[in-house]
């Protein structure tokens, strides 16, 4: 399967993976990132996580950006500024967190 063409502002597919719950759930979700990079080694992977879990991701190679989920954060602005090609909500609470 060929990945969709990326937008005019960037050359590679941009993914935003969201996991804003427990640390163990975040660690398990790293397999999703690994699978994306297996299929598309040039993919740009960003994570939306809590300040508590962010230090774990700082130790993981291949992550282009870590965005912190803070109470009252304007996630619409994040999405408009970052412009991901795909957003993957990996947690059961994430539908409450990300704008539609």
Protein backbone atom coordinates (compact mmCIF):
# COMPACT_ATOMS: atom_id res chain seq x y z
CA UNK A 1 0.00 0.00 0.00
CA UNK A 2 1.41 3.38 -0.97
CA UNK A 3 1.14 6.11 1.67
CA UNK A 4 -0.89 9.16 0.63
CA UNK A 5 1.02 12.12 -0.72
CA UNK A 6 2.03 14.59 1.91
CA UNK A 7 0.88 18.19 1.88
CA UNK A 8 2.68 21.14 0.31
CA UNK A 9 4.30 22.22 3.59
CA UNK A 10 6.32 19.05 4.15
CA UNK A 11 7.94 16.16 2.33
CA UNK A 12 7.07 13.21 4.53
CA UNK A 13 3.98 11.87 6.26
CA UNK A 14 3.38 13.48 9.64
CA UNK A 15 1.71 11.46 12.37
CA UNK A 16 0.43 12.69 15.71
CA UNK A 17 0.05 9.81 18.16
CA UNK A 18 -1.98 10.71 21.22
CA UNK A 19 -1.71 8.84 24.51
CA UNK A 20 -2.70 10.98 27.46
CA UNK A 21 -3.33 8.36 30.12
CA UNK A 22 -1.06 6.01 32.10
CA UNK A 23 2.66 5.43 31.63
CA UNK A 24 2.30 1.69 30.99
CA UNK A 25 -0.29 2.36 28.29
CA UNK A 26 2.12 4.77 26.62
CA UNK A 27 4.92 2.19 26.67
CA UNK A 28 2.64 -0.42 25.08
CA UNK A 29 1.62 2.14 22.43
CA UNK A 30 5.22 2.51 21.28
CA UNK A 31 4.60 -0.58 19.16
CA UNK A 32 2.28 1.51 16.99
CA UNK A 33 5.10 3.93 16.28
CA UNK A 34 7.44 1.05 15.47
CA UNK A 35 4.92 -0.38 13.01
CA UNK A 36 4.48 2.99 11.27
CA UNK A 37 8.25 3.36 10.92
CA UNK A 38 8.55 -0.19 9.55
CA UNK A 39 6.14 0.71 6.77
CA UNK A 40 7.40 4.26 6.25
CA UNK A 41 10.92 4.86 7.64
CA UNK A 42 10.73 8.52 6.61
CA UNK A 43 7.55 9.20 8.60
CA UNK A 44 7.64 12.11 11.01
CA UNK A 45 6.27 10.93 14.36
CA UNK A 46 5.00 13.34 17.01
CA UNK A 47 3.37 12.43 20.31
CA UNK A 48 0.75 14.21 22.41
CA UNK A 49 1.26 13.12 26.02
CA UNK A 50 1.06 14.39 29.58
CA UNK A 51 3.99 16.08 31.32
CA UNK A 52 4.25 13.01 33.57
CA UNK A 53 4.88 10.57 30.72
CA UNK A 54 6.92 12.81 28.40
CA UNK A 55 10.33 11.91 29.94
CA UNK A 56 9.90 8.32 28.75
CA UNK A 57 9.55 9.46 25.13
CA UNK A 58 12.66 11.63 25.41
CA UNK A 59 14.63 8.37 25.57
CA UNK A 60 13.05 6.87 22.43
CA UNK A 61 14.82 7.42 19.09
CA UNK A 62 12.82 8.34 16.02
CA UNK A 63 10.46 10.85 17.62
CA UNK A 64 10.31 14.20 15.84
CA UNK A 65 8.32 16.03 18.50
CA UNK A 66 6.68 15.72 21.90
CA UNK A 67 3.64 17.89 22.59
CA UNK A 68 2.41 18.18 26.15
CA UNK A 69 -1.26 17.93 27.02
CA UNK A 70 -1.99 20.47 29.70
CA UNK A 71 -5.37 21.45 31.15
CA UNK A 72 -6.86 24.29 29.15
CA UNK A 73 -4.45 23.82 26.26
CA UNK A 74 -5.69 25.01 22.89
CA UNK A 75 -5.45 21.77 20.92
CA UNK A 76 -7.10 23.32 17.88
CA UNK A 77 -4.12 25.69 17.62
CA UNK A 78 -1.72 22.75 17.95
CA UNK A 79 -3.43 20.95 15.08
CA UNK A 80 -3.45 24.08 12.91
CA UNK A 81 0.22 24.86 13.56
CA UNK A 82 1.50 21.30 13.27
CA UNK A 83 -0.85 20.08 10.50
CA UNK A 84 -0.43 16.31 10.83
CA UNK A 85 -1.44 14.07 7.95
CA UNK A 86 -2.88 11.54 10.40
CA UNK A 87 -3.89 11.61 14.06
CA UNK A 88 -4.05 8.32 15.94
CA UNK A 89 -5.93 8.41 19.24
CA UNK A 90 -4.44 5.49 21.12
CA UNK A 91 -6.16 5.95 24.47
CA UNK A 92 -9.75 5.49 25.51
CA UNK A 93 -9.87 9.04 26.90
CA UNK A 94 -8.35 10.71 23.85
CA UNK A 95 -11.67 11.40 22.17
CA UNK A 96 -12.24 13.87 25.01
CA UNK A 97 -8.84 15.43 24.40
CA UNK A 98 -8.51 16.01 20.67
CA UNK A 99 -10.72 18.33 18.64
CA UNK A 100 -12.91 16.69 16.03
